[in-house]
Structure formats: structure tokens, C-alpha cells
């Protein structure tokens, strides 16, 4: 797949414990992005963070949190990102969603 030189970076900040009826929300978002043929998605698990309620979530050994911060990053064209937005509007009940313009330098994959 070839992406144009400019695109959008979609970042979705949620909690690890956020769920859908089918399982973790981050898994559902990645599966939906794949179903919509987006270029790719990466899920990052934070070791510490806080959100709107200012409650600290941390992975420290003495206080293991089961709700660590999760960030899902997706880079694609504006058109493709916009196809995912209705799903996010419906399923992300708490969290933060950001969009920013990015310059795509290289996007390659191995040929099968």
C-alpha cells in the first residue's frame, strides 16, 4: 500500500480496563481499523498516567494497576481515518481522541 506524503495521525487515549461486549476496547478498535483496511494500528501500554479525574494509574510493583493507560496510534489518509470516527464516537465512552496532520516519510511492507 502506498500512502500519500501527507496524512493524519489519530491517537486514542483510553484505559486498559475499558471494555466492549466482545472484550477489551483497544482490541475492538484495532480489529475495526483492520476491517476498514486502514494502513495499520499500534497499541501502546503506558507505565504511568492520569486522566480527567486526576487519579494516578501506575505499573509500580507495590501497587499494580489493572487500568494502565493505553494509546492507540493510527496513521492513514484523512478519508480512511474519517471512516473509523463513527465507530469511535459510539464505543469510546471515556478517554481522549486527537488528530494531527503528519508528513509520511516512508511506508513499506514486505511482499508476500
PDB file of N, CA and C in Angstrom:
ATOM      1  N   UNK A   1       0.844  -1.174   0.000  1.00  0.00           N
ATOM      2  CA  UNK A   1       0.000   0.000   0.000  1.00  0.00           C
ATOM      3  C   UNK A   1       0.886   1.233   0.000  1.00  0.00           C
ATOM      4  N   UNK A   2       0.513   2.219  -0.763  1.00  0.00           N
ATOM      5  CA  UNK A   2       1.260   3.476  -0.796  1.00  0.00           C
ATOM      6  C   UNK A   2       0.397   4.568  -0.202  1.00  0.00           C
ATOM      7  N   UNK A   3       0.938   5.265   0.763  1.00  0.00           N
ATOM      8  CA  UNK A   3       0.239   6.405   1.356  1.00  0.00           C
ATOM      9  C   UNK A   3       0.752   7.674   0.695  1.00  0.00           C
ATOM     10  N   UNK A   4      -0.091   8.675   0.585  1.00  0.00           N
ATOM     11  CA  UNK A   4       0.414   9.952   0.096  1.00  0.00           C
ATOM     12  C   UNK A   4       1.383  10.552   1.112  1.00  0.00           C
ATOM     13  N   UNK A   5       2.063  11.616   0.713  1.00  0.00           N
ATOM     14  CA  UNK A   5       3.063  12.212   1.601  1.00  0.00           C
ATOM     15  C   UNK A   5       2.456  12.836   2.845  1.00  0.00           C
ATOM     16  N   UNK A   6       1.207  13.254   2.789  1.00  0.00           N
ATOM     17  CA  UNK A   6       0.574  13.824   3.977  1.00  0.00           C
ATOM     18  C   UNK A   6      -0.552  12.900   4.432  1.00  0.00           C
ATOM     19  N   UNK A   7      -0.772  12.898   5.737  1.00  0.00           N
ATOM     20  CA  UNK A   7      -1.815  12.055   6.303  1.00  0.00           C
ATOM     21  C   UNK A   7      -2.242  12.596   7.645  1.00  0.00           C
ATOM     22  N   UNK A   8      -2.997  11.791   8.359  1.00  0.00           N
ATOM     23  CA  UNK A   8      -3.446  12.148   9.701  1.00  0.00           C
ATOM     24  C   UNK A   8      -2.966  11.098  10.683  1.00  0.00           C
ATOM     25  N   UNK A   9      -2.591  11.568  11.859  1.00  0.00           N
ATOM     26  CA  UNK A   9      -2.268  10.690  12.983  1.00  0.00           C
ATOM     27  C   UNK A   9      -3.435  10.761  13.952  1.00  0.00           C
ATOM     28  N   UNK A  10      -4.072   9.641  14.147  1.00  0.00           N
ATOM     29  CA  UNK A  10      -5.170   9.519  15.097  1.00  0.00           C
ATOM     30  C   UNK A  10      -4.611   8.879  16.353  1.00  0.00           C
ATOM     31  N   UNK A  11      -4.810   9.523  17.494  1.00  0.00           N
ATOM     32  CA  UNK A  11      -4.402   8.959  18.782  1.00  0.00           C
ATOM     33  C   UNK A  11      -5.644   8.824  19.654  1.00  0.00           C
ATOM     34  N   UNK A  12      -5.771   7.659  20.239  1.00  0.00           N
ATOM     35  CA  UNK A  12      -6.905   7.369  21.111  1.00  0.00           C
ATOM     36  C   UNK A  12      -6.340   6.997  22.474  1.00  0.00           C
ATOM     37  N   UNK A  13      -6.657   7.781  23.477  1.00  0.00           N
ATOM     38  CA  UNK A  13      -6.188   7.551  24.848  1.00  0.00           C
ATOM     39  C   UNK A  13      -7.347   6.955  25.644  1.00  0.00           C
ATOM     40  N   UNK A  14      -7.171   5.732  26.099  1.00  0.00           N
ATOM     41  CA  UNK A  14      -8.203   5.062  26.887  1.00  0.00           C
ATOM     42  C   UNK A  14      -7.533   4.323  28.037  1.00  0.00           C
ATOM     43  N   UNK A  15      -8.330   3.649  28.842  1.00  0.00           N
ATOM     44  CA  UNK A  15      -7.799   2.826  29.923  1.00  0.00           C
ATOM     45  C   UNK A  15      -7.771   1.361  29.523  1.00  0.00           C
ATOM     46  N   UNK A  16      -6.824   0.645  30.081  1.00  0.00           N
ATOM     47  CA  UNK A  16      -6.683  -0.773  29.774  1.00  0.00           C
ATOM     48  C   UNK A  16      -7.936  -1.567  30.140  1.00  0.00           C
ATOM     49  N   UNK A  17      -8.673  -1.126  31.130  1.00  0.00           N
ATOM     50  CA  UNK A  17      -9.856  -1.865  31.569  1.00  0.00           C
ATOM     51  C   UNK A  17     -11.125  -1.502  30.789  1.00  0.00           C
ATOM     52  N   UNK A  18     -11.046  -0.549  29.859  1.00  0.00           N
ATOM     53  CA  UNK A  18     -12.227  -0.201  29.058  1.00  0.00           C
ATOM     54  C   UNK A  18     -12.618  -1.394  28.194  1.00  0.00           C
ATOM     55  N   UNK A  19     -13.896  -1.718  28.213  1.00  0.00           N
ATOM     56  CA  UNK A  19     -14.378  -2.940  27.579  1.00  0.00           C
ATOM     57  C   UNK A  19     -15.516  -2.689  26.588  1.00  0.00           C
ATOM     58  N   UNK A  20     -15.678  -3.638  25.688  1.00  0.00           N
ATOM     59  CA  UNK A  20     -16.873  -3.754  24.849  1.00  0.00           C
ATOM     60  C   UNK A  20     -17.471  -5.108  25.205  1.00  0.00           C
ATOM     61  N   UNK A  21     -18.672  -5.414  24.721  1.00  0.00           N
ATOM     62  CA  UNK A  21     -19.217  -6.757  24.992  1.00  0.00           C
ATOM     63  C   UNK A  21     -18.328  -7.890  24.467  1.00  0.00           C
ATOM     64  N   UNK A  22     -17.515  -7.613  23.443  1.00  0.00           N
ATOM     65  CA  UNK A  22     -16.653  -8.630  22.848  1.00  0.00           C
ATOM     66  C   UNK A  22     -15.292  -8.743  23.523  1.00  0.00           C
ATOM     67  N   UNK A  23     -14.919  -7.780  24.364  1.00  0.00           N
ATOM     68  CA  UNK A  23     -13.610  -7.821  25.011  1.00  0.00           C
ATOM     69  C   UNK A  23     -13.023  -6.433  25.166  1.00  0.00           C
ATOM     70  N   UNK A  24     -11.691  -6.341  25.318  1.00  0.00           N
ATOM     71  CA  UNK A  24     -11.051  -5.044  25.541  1.00  0.00           C
ATOM     72  C   UNK A  24     -11.311  -4.062  24.403  1.00  0.00           C
ATOM     73  N   UNK A  25     -11.543  -2.805  24.759  1.00  0.00           N
ATOM     74  CA  UNK A  25     -11.847  -1.773  23.770  1.00  0.00           C
ATOM     75  C   UNK A  25     -10.692  -1.581  22.802  1.00  0.00           C
ATOM     76  N   UNK A  26      -9.450  -1.620  23.302  1.00  0.00           N
ATOM     77  CA  UNK A  26      -8.319  -1.405  22.399  1.00  0.00           C
ATOM     78  C   UNK A  26      -8.261  -2.492  21.318  1.00  0.00           C
ATOM     79  N   UNK A  27      -8.594  -3.733  21.669  1.00  0.00           N
ATOM     80  CA  UNK A  27      -8.629  -4.803  20.669  1.00  0.00           C
ATOM     81  C   UNK A  27      -9.734  -4.569  19.655  1.00  0.00           C
ATOM     82  N   UNK A  28     -10.892  -4.132  20.132  1.00  0.00           N
ATOM     83  CA  UNK A  28     -12.019  -3.888  19.240  1.00  0.00           C
ATOM     84  C   UNK A  28     -11.703  -2.770  18.246  1.00  0.00           C
ATOM     85  N   UNK A  29     -11.008  -1.720  18.716  1.00  0.00           N
ATOM     86  CA  UNK A  29     -10.659  -0.603  17.827  1.00  0.00           C
ATOM     87  C   UNK A  29      -9.675  -1.068  16.755  1.00  0.00           C
ATOM     88  N   UNK A  30      -8.668  -1.839  17.146  1.00  0.00           N
ATOM     89  CA  UNK A  30      -7.686  -2.325  16.175  1.00  0.00           C
ATOM     90  C   UNK A  30      -8.358  -3.252  15.158  1.00  0.00           C
ATOM     91  N   UNK A  31      -9.235  -4.126  15.617  1.00  0.00           N
ATOM     92  CA  UNK A  31      -9.947  -5.021  14.700  1.00  0.00           C
ATOM     93  C   UNK A  31     -10.830  -4.240  13.734  1.00  0.00           C
ATOM     94  N   UNK A  32     -11.474  -3.187  14.222  1.00  0.00           N
ATOM     95  CA  UNK A  32     -12.314  -2.365  13.349  1.00  0.00           C
ATOM     96  C   UNK A  32     -11.454  -1.635  12.322  1.00  0.00           C
ATOM     97  N   UNK A  33     -10.303  -1.114  12.743  1.00  0.00           N
ATOM     98  CA  UNK A  33      -9.394  -0.438  11.810  1.00  0.00           C
ATOM     99  C   UNK A  33      -8.939  -1.408  10.720  1.00  0.00           C
ATOM    100  N   UNK A  34      -8.654  -2.623  11.100  1.00  0.00           N
ATOM    101  CA  UNK A  34      -8.238  -3.641  10.114  1.00  0.00           C
ATOM    102  C   UNK A  34      -9.377  -3.972   9.173  1.00  0.00           C
ATOM    103  N   UNK A  35     -10.570  -4.125   9.726  1.00  0.00           N
ATOM    104  CA  UNK A  35     -11.759  -4.404   8.907  1.00  0.00           C
ATOM    105  C   UNK A  35     -11.989  -3.305   7.872  1.00  0.00           C
ATOM    106  N   UNK A  36     -11.674  -2.061   8.235  1.00  0.00           N
ATOM    107  CA  UNK A  36     -11.852  -0.921   7.333  1.00  0.00           C
ATOM    108  C   UNK A  36     -10.644  -0.721   6.406  1.00  0.00           C
ATOM    109  N   UNK A  37      -9.677  -1.643   6.482  1.00  0.00           N
ATOM    110  CA  UNK A  37      -8.472  -1.598   5.633  1.00  0.00           C
ATOM    111  C   UNK A  37      -7.616  -0.354   5.854  1.00  0.00           C
ATOM    112  N   UNK A  38      -7.528   0.108   7.108  1.00  0.00           N
ATOM    113  CA  UNK A  38      -6.620   1.197   7.408  1.00  0.00           C
ATOM    114  C   UNK A  38      -5.189   0.697   7.306  1.00  0.00           C
ATOM    115  N   UNK A  39      -4.246   1.612   7.166  1.00  0.00           N
ATOM    116  CA  UNK A  39      -2.849   1.248   6.900  1.00  0.00           C
ATOM    117  C   UNK A  39      -2.228   0.433   8.032  1.00  0.00           C
ATOM    118  N   UNK A  40      -2.623   0.656   9.263  1.00  0.00           N
ATOM    119  CA  UNK A  40      -2.074  -0.072  10.402  1.00  0.00           C
ATOM    120  C   UNK A  40      -2.446   0.609  11.696  1.00  0.00           C
ATOM    121  N   UNK A  41      -2.233  -0.065  12.791  1.00  0.00           N
ATOM    122  CA  UNK A  41      -2.530   0.474  14.117  1.00  0.00           C
ATOM    123  C   UNK A  41      -1.512  -0.077  15.106  1.00  0.00           C
ATOM    124  N   UNK A  42      -1.159   0.728  16.085  1.00  0.00           N
ATOM    125  CA  UNK A  42      -0.241   0.309  17.140  1.00  0.00           C
ATOM    126  C   UNK A  42      -0.867   0.638  18.487  1.00  0.00           C
ATOM    127  N   UNK A  43      -0.828  -0.323  19.396  1.00  0.00           N
ATOM    128  CA  UNK A  43      -1.332  -0.124  20.752  1.00  0.00           C
ATOM    129  C   UNK A  43      -0.132  -0.018  21.683  1.00  0.00           C
ATOM    130  N   UNK A  44      -0.086   1.073  22.441  1.00  0.00           N
ATOM    131  CA  UNK A  44       0.995   1.318  23.398  1.00  0.00           C
ATOM    132  C   UNK A  44       0.412   1.283  24.806  1.00  0.00           C
ATOM    133  N   UNK A  45       1.081   0.561  25.695  1.00  0.00           N
ATOM    134  CA  UNK A  45       0.637   0.459  27.091  1.00  0.00           C
ATOM    135  C   UNK A  45       1.536   1.338  27.933  1.00  0.00           C
ATOM    136  N   UNK A  46       0.945   2.297  28.609  1.00  0.00           N
ATOM    137  CA  UNK A  46       1.713   3.204  29.440  1.00  0.00           C
ATOM    138  C   UNK A  46       2.060   2.596  30.777  1.00  0.00           C
ATOM    139  N   UNK A  47       3.143   3.073  31.358  1.00  0.00           N
ATOM    140  CA  UNK A  47       3.522   2.587  32.692  1.00  0.00           C
ATOM    141  C   UNK A  47       3.021   3.512  33.793  1.00  0.00           C
ATOM    142  N   UNK A  48       2.579   4.717  33.391  1.00  0.00           N
ATOM    143  CA  UNK A  48       2.043   5.645  34.378  1.00  0.00           C
ATOM    144  C   UNK A  48       1.286   6.743  33.654  1.00  0.00           C
ATOM    145  N   UNK A  49       0.221   7.227  34.278  1.00  0.00           N
ATOM    146  CA  UNK A  49      -0.524   8.331  33.702  1.00  0.00           C
ATOM    147  C   UNK A  49      -1.709   8.704  34.575  1.00  0.00           C
ATOM    148  N   UNK A  50      -2.393   9.772  34.173  1.00  0.00           N
ATOM    149  CA  UNK A  50      -3.643  10.151  34.820  1.00  0.00           C
ATOM    150  C   UNK A  50      -4.522  10.818  33.789  1.00  0.00           C
ATOM    151  N   UNK A  51      -5.809  10.825  34.053  1.00  0.00           N
ATOM    152  CA  UNK A  51      -6.771  11.389  33.117  1.00  0.00           C
ATOM    153  C   UNK A  51      -7.573  12.502  33.742  1.00  0.00           C
ATOM    154  N   UNK A  52      -8.797  12.666  33.263  1.00  0.00           N
ATOM    155  CA  UNK A  52      -9.654  13.775  33.659  1.00  0.00           C
ATOM    156  C   UNK A  52      -9.922  13.807  35.164  1.00  0.00           C
ATOM    157  N   UNK A  53      -9.969  12.637  35.797  1.00  0.00           N
ATOM    158  CA  UNK A  53     -10.242  12.593  37.238  1.00  0.00           C
ATOM    159  C   UNK A  53      -8.982  12.760  38.082  1.00  0.00           C
ATOM    160  N   UNK A  54      -7.822  12.938  37.441  1.00  0.00           N
ATOM    161  CA  UNK A  54      -6.526  13.136  38.101  1.00  0.00           C
ATOM    162  C   UNK A  54      -6.109  11.985  39.003  1.00  0.00           C
ATOM    163  N   UNK A  55      -6.649  10.804  38.768  1.00  0.00           N
ATOM    164  CA  UNK A  55      -6.262   9.615  39.532  1.00  0.00           C
ATOM    165  C   UNK A  55      -5.066   8.979  38.842  1.00  0.00           C
ATOM    166  N   UNK A  56      -3.993   8.730  39.588  1.00  0.00           N
ATOM    167  CA  UNK A  56      -2.762   8.161  39.036  1.00  0.00           C
ATOM    168  C   UNK A  56      -2.965   6.659  38.787  1.00  0.00           C
ATOM    169  N   UNK A  57      -2.552   6.212  37.612  1.00  0.00           N
ATOM    170  CA  UNK A  57      -2.516   4.798  37.257  1.00  0.00           C
ATOM    171  C   UNK A  57      -1.042   4.473  37.035  1.00  0.00           C
ATOM    172  N   UNK A  58      -0.555   3.431  37.707  1.00  0.00           N
ATOM    173  CA  UNK A  58       0.868   3.124  37.610  1.00  0.00           C
ATOM    174  C   UNK A  58       1.118   1.620  37.586  1.00  0.00           C
ATOM    175  N   UNK A  59       2.258   1.239  37.054  1.00  0.00           N
ATOM    176  CA  UNK A  59       2.648  -0.167  36.993  1.00  0.00           C
ATOM    177  C   UNK A  59       3.682  -0.507  38.063  1.00  0.00           C
ATOM    178  N   UNK A  60       3.839   0.349  39.072  1.00  0.00           N
ATOM    179  CA  UNK A  60       4.805   0.072  40.132  1.00  0.00           C
ATOM    180  C   UNK A  60       4.470  -1.250  40.818  1.00  0.00           C
ATOM    181  N   UNK A  61       5.503  -1.976  41.201  1.00  0.00           N
ATOM    182  CA  UNK A  61       5.310  -3.306  41.778  1.00  0.00           C
ATOM    183  C   UNK A  61       4.468  -3.304  43.051  1.00  0.00           C
ATOM    184  N   UNK A  62       4.616  -2.280  43.865  1.00  0.00           N
ATOM    185  CA  UNK A  62       3.894  -2.262  45.132  1.00  0.00           C
ATOM    186  C   UNK A  62       2.415  -1.931  44.968  1.00  0.00           C
ATOM    187  N   UNK A  63       2.061  -1.388  43.821  1.00  0.00           N
ATOM    188  CA  UNK A  63       0.664  -1.005  43.607  1.00  0.00           C
ATOM    189  C   UNK A  63       0.312  -1.271  42.155  1.00  0.00           C
ATOM    190  N   UNK A  64       0.049  -2.528  41.841  1.00  0.00           N
ATOM    191  CA  UNK A  64      -0.239  -2.878  40.454  1.00  0.00           C
ATOM    192  C   UNK A  64      -1.617  -2.376  40.053  1.00  0.00           C
ATOM    193  N   UNK A  65      -1.650  -1.625  38.988  1.00  0.00           N
ATOM    194  CA  UNK A  65      -2.907  -1.119  38.466  1.00  0.00           C
ATOM    195  C   UNK A  65      -3.397  -2.047  37.370  1.00  0.00           C
ATOM    196  N   UNK A  66      -4.681  -2.276  37.333  1.00  0.00           N
ATOM    197  CA  UNK A  66      -5.273  -3.057  36.251  1.00  0.00           C
ATOM    198  C   UNK A  66      -5.893  -2.124  35.219  1.00  0.00           C
ATOM    199  N   UNK A  67      -5.631  -0.840  35.338  1.00  0.00           N
ATOM    200  CA  UNK A  67      -6.203   0.124  34.402  1.00  0.00           C
ATOM    201  C   UNK A  67      -5.112   1.080  33.925  1.00  0.00           C
ATOM    202  N   UNK A  68      -4.048   0.517  33.375  1.00  0.00           N
ATOM    203  CA  UNK A  68      -2.956   1.344  32.877  1.00  0.00           C
ATOM    204  C   UNK A  68      -3.395   2.106  31.631  1.00  0.00           C
ATOM    205  N   UNK A  69      -2.725   3.220  31.348  1.00  0.00           N
ATOM    206  CA  UNK A  69      -3.075   3.996  30.151  1.00  0.00           C
ATOM    207  C   UNK A  69      -2.761   3.211  28.878  1.00  0.00           C
ATOM    208  N   UNK A  70      -3.640   3.337  27.907  1.00  0.00           N
ATOM    209  CA  UNK A  70      -3.461   2.731  26.584  1.00  0.00           C
ATOM    210  C   UNK A  70      -3.566   3.844  25.551  1.00  0.00           C
ATOM    211  N   UNK A  71      -2.643   3.851  24.595  1.00  0.00           N
ATOM    212  CA  UNK A  71      -2.696   4.790  23.472  1.00  0.00           C
ATOM    213  C   UNK A  71      -2.711   3.960  22.191  1.00  0.00           C
ATOM    214  N   UNK A  72      -3.674   4.209  21.344  1.00  0.00           N
ATOM    215  CA  UNK A  72      -3.745   3.559  20.038  1.00  0.00           C
ATOM    216  C   UNK A  72      -3.400   4.618  19.007  1.00  0.00           C
ATOM    217  N   UNK A  73      -2.404   4.326  18.166  1.00  0.00           N
ATOM    218  CA  UNK A  73      -1.998   5.264  17.123  1.00  0.00           C
ATOM    219  C   UNK A  73      -2.284   4.652  15.754  1.00  0.00           C
ATOM    220  N   UNK A  74      -2.888   5.461  14.896  1.00  0.00           N
ATOM    221  CA  UNK A  74      -3.198   5.046  13.532  1.00  0.00           C
ATOM    222  C   UNK A  74      -2.830   6.201  12.613  1.00  0.00           C
ATOM    223  N   UNK A  75      -2.034   5.919  11.575  1.00  0.00           N
ATOM    224  CA  UNK A  75      -1.699   6.917  10.568  1.00  0.00           C
ATOM    225  C   UNK A  75      -2.282   6.450   9.245  1.00  0.00           C
ATOM    226  N   UNK A  76      -3.042   7.320   8.610  1.00  0.00           N
ATOM    227  CA  UNK A  76      -3.636   6.994   7.316  1.00  0.00           C
ATOM    228  C   UNK A  76      -4.110   8.285   6.680  1.00  0.00           C
ATOM    229  N   UNK A  77      -4.798   8.149   5.564  1.00  0.00           N
ATOM    230  CA  UNK A  77      -5.348   9.320   4.892  1.00  0.00           C
ATOM    231  C   UNK A  77      -6.532   9.855   5.695  1.00  0.00           C
ATOM    232  N   UNK A  78      -6.847  11.116   5.474  1.00  0.00           N
ATOM    233  CA  UNK A  78      -7.997  11.717   6.163  1.00  0.00           C
ATOM    234  C   UNK A  78      -9.275  10.946   5.850  1.00  0.00           C
ATOM    235  N   UNK A  79      -9.432  10.560   4.601  1.00  0.00           N
ATOM    236  CA  UNK A  79     -10.630   9.815   4.188  1.00  0.00           C
ATOM    237  C   UNK A  79     -10.764   8.512   4.962  1.00  0.00           C
ATOM    238  N   UNK A  80      -9.670   7.770   5.076  1.00  0.00           N
ATOM    239  CA  UNK A  80      -9.726   6.489   5.788  1.00  0.00           C
ATOM    240  C   UNK A  80      -9.935   6.673   7.289  1.00  0.00           C
ATOM    241  N   UNK A  81      -9.265   7.646   7.873  1.00  0.00           N
ATOM    242  CA  UNK A  81      -9.458   7.925   9.307  1.00  0.00           C
ATOM    243  C   UNK A  81     -10.918   8.300   9.575  1.00  0.00           C
ATOM    244  N   UNK A  82     -11.495   9.100   8.703  1.00  0.00           N
ATOM    245  CA  UNK A  82     -12.889   9.524   8.891  1.00  0.00           C
ATOM    246  C   UNK A  82     -13.873   8.363   8.858  1.00  0.00           C
ATOM    247  N   UNK A  83     -13.515   7.285   8.193  1.00  0.00           N
ATOM    248  CA  UNK A  83     -14.402   6.107   8.167  1.00  0.00           C
ATOM    249  C   UNK A  83     -14.440   5.404   9.521  1.00  0.00           C
ATOM    250  N   UNK A  84     -13.405   5.595  10.335  1.00  0.00           N
ATOM    251  CA  UNK A  84     -13.344   4.977  11.660  1.00  0.00           C
ATOM    252  C   UNK A  84     -14.052   5.814  12.727  1.00  0.00           C
ATOM    253  N   UNK A  85     -14.206   7.108  12.483  1.00  0.00           N
ATOM    254  CA  UNK A  85     -14.717   8.018  13.519  1.00  0.00           C
ATOM    255  C   UNK A  85     -16.101   7.653  14.060  1.00  0.00           C
ATOM    256  N   UNK A  86     -17.076   7.240  13.246  1.00  0.00           N
ATOM    257  CA  UNK A  86     -18.380   6.862  13.828  1.00  0.00           C
ATOM    258  C   UNK A  86     -18.268   5.711  14.827  1.00  0.00           C
ATOM    259  N   UNK A  87     -17.399   4.759  14.555  1.00  0.00           N
ATOM    260  CA  UNK A  87     -17.182   3.645  15.477  1.00  0.00           C
ATOM    261  C   UNK A  87     -16.631   4.164  16.804  1.00  0.00           C
ATOM    262  N   UNK A  88     -15.655   5.069  16.726  1.00  0.00           N
ATOM    263  CA  UNK A  88     -15.066   5.633  17.947  1.00  0.00           C
ATOM    264  C   UNK A  88     -16.096   6.443  18.721  1.00  0.00           C
ATOM    265  N   UNK A  89     -16.904   7.239  18.010  1.00  0.00           N
ATOM    266  CA  UNK A  89     -17.956   8.023  18.680  1.00  0.00           C
ATOM    267  C   UNK A  89     -18.891   7.123  19.474  1.00  0.00           C
ATOM    268  N   UNK A  90     -19.179   5.969  18.930  1.00  0.00           N
ATOM    269  CA  UNK A  90     -20.112   5.046  19.581  1.00  0.00           C
ATOM    270  C   UNK A  90     -19.476   4.271  20.734  1.00  0.00           C
ATOM    271  N   UNK A  91     -18.208   3.883  20.606  1.00  0.00           N
ATOM    272  CA  UNK A  91     -17.612   2.951  21.561  1.00  0.00           C
ATOM    273  C   UNK A  91     -16.687   3.567  22.609  1.00  0.00           C
ATOM    274  N   UNK A  92     -16.095   4.713  22.358  1.00  0.00           N
ATOM    275  CA  UNK A  92     -15.197   5.325  23.343  1.00  0.00           C
ATOM    276  C   UNK A  92     -16.046   6.201  24.267  1.00  0.00           C
ATOM    277  N   UNK A  93     -16.330   5.670  25.443  1.00  0.00           N
ATOM    278  CA  UNK A  93     -17.187   6.367  26.410  1.00  0.00           C
ATOM    279  C   UNK A  93     -16.389   7.346  27.262  1.00  0.00           C
ATOM    280  N   UNK A  94     -15.146   6.992  27.577  1.00  0.00           N
ATOM    281  CA  UNK A  94     -14.244   7.855  28.339  1.00  0.00           C
ATOM    282  C   UNK A  94     -12.899   7.832  27.648  1.00  0.00           C
ATOM    283  N   UNK A  95     -12.226   8.950  27.635  1.00  0.00           N
ATOM    284  CA  UNK A  95     -10.908   8.986  27.031  1.00  0.00           C
ATOM    285  C   UNK A  95     -10.704  10.274  26.257  1.00  0.00           C
ATOM    286  N   UNK A  96      -9.685  10.279  25.435  1.00  0.00           N
ATOM    287  CA  UNK A  96      -9.315  11.441  24.642  1.00  0.00           C
ATOM    288  C   UNK A  96      -8.949  10.953  23.251  1.00  0.00           C
ATOM    289  N   UNK A  97      -9.440  11.640  22.241  1.00  0.00           N
ATOM    290  CA  UNK A  97      -9.115  11.320  20.857  1.00  0.00           C
ATOM    291  C   UNK A  97      -8.546  12.577  20.222  1.00  0.00           C
ATOM    292  N   UNK A  98      -7.358  12.443  19.605  1.00  0.00           N
ATOM    293  CA  UNK A  98      -6.736  13.594  18.954  1.00  0.00           C
ATOM    294  C   UNK A  98      -6.410  13.253  17.505  1.00  0.00           C
ATOM    295  N   UNK A  99      -6.335  14.287  16.696  1.00  0.00           N
ATOM    296  CA  UNK A  99      -5.932  14.171  15.295  1.00  0.00           C
ATOM    297  C   UNK A  99      -4.888  15.232  15.022  1.00  0.00           C
ATOM    298  N   UNK A 100      -3.869  14.864  14.272  1.00  0.00           N
ATOM    299  CA  UNK A 100      -2.908  15.871  13.839  1.00  0.00           C
ATOM    300  C   UNK A 100      -2.406  15.508  12.451  1.00  0.00           C
ATOM    301  N   UNK A 101      -2.067  16.531  11.697  1.00  0.00           N
ATOM    302  CA  UNK A 101      -1.516  16.318  10.371  1.00  0.00           C
ATOM    303  C   UNK A 101      -0.092  15.823  10.520  1.00  0.00           C
ATOM    304  N   UNK A 102       0.275  14.846   9.680  1.00  0.00           N
ATOM    305  CA  UNK A 102       1.633  14.314   9.697  1.00  0.00           C
ATOM    306  C   UNK A 102       2.158  14.213   8.274  1.00  0.00           C
ATOM    307  N   UNK A 103       3.468  14.231   8.177  1.00  0.00           N
ATOM    308  CA  UNK A 103       4.123  14.009   6.888  1.00  0.00           C
ATOM    309  C   UNK A 103       4.638  12.575   6.897  1.00  0.00           C
ATOM    310  N   UNK A 104       4.188  11.774   5.951  1.00  0.00           N
ATOM    311  CA  UNK A 104       4.609  10.384   5.856  1.00  0.00           C
ATOM    312  C   UNK A 104       5.918  10.348   5.060  1.00  0.00           C
ATOM    313  N   UNK A 105       6.971   9.857   5.683  1.00  0.00           N
ATOM    314  CA  UNK A 105       8.277   9.778   5.038  1.00  0.00           C
ATOM    315  C   UNK A 105       8.405   8.468   4.266  1.00  0.00           C
ATOM    316  N   UNK A 106       8.017   7.380   4.906  1.00  0.00           N
ATOM    317  CA  UNK A 106       8.135   6.071   4.265  1.00  0.00           C
ATOM    318  C   UNK A 106       7.095   5.135   4.843  1.00  0.00           C
ATOM    319  N   UNK A 107       6.483   4.347   3.987  1.00  0.00           N
ATOM    320  CA  UNK A 107       5.566   3.305   4.429  1.00  0.00           C
ATOM    321  C   UNK A 107       5.772   2.119   3.508  1.00  0.00           C
ATOM    322  N   UNK A 108       6.359   1.065   4.046  1.00  0.00           N
ATOM    323  CA  UNK A 108       6.644  -0.127   3.241  1.00  0.00           C
ATOM    324  C   UNK A 108       6.295  -1.366   4.035  1.00  0.00           C
ATOM    325  N   UNK A 109       6.032  -2.431   3.314  1.00  0.00           N
ATOM    326  CA  UNK A 109       5.878  -3.734   3.938  1.00  0.00           C
ATOM    327  C   UNK A 109       6.518  -4.765   3.044  1.00  0.00           C
ATOM    328  N   UNK A 110       6.823  -5.895   3.642  1.00  0.00           N
ATOM    329  CA  UNK A 110       7.442  -6.963   2.871  1.00  0.00           C
ATOM    330  C   UNK A 110       6.435  -7.546   1.908  1.00  0.00           C
ATOM    331  N   UNK A 111       6.879  -7.876   0.744  1.00  0.00           N
ATOM    332  CA  UNK A 111       5.997  -8.504  -0.245  1.00  0.00           C
ATOM    333  C   UNK A 111       5.894  -9.984   0.069  1.00  0.00           C
ATOM    334  N   UNK A 112       4.696 -10.508  -0.034  1.00  0.00           N
ATOM    335  CA  UNK A 112       4.478 -11.933   0.259  1.00  0.00           C
ATOM    336  C   UNK A 112       5.030 -12.798  -0.845  1.00  0.00           C
TER     337      UNK A 112
END
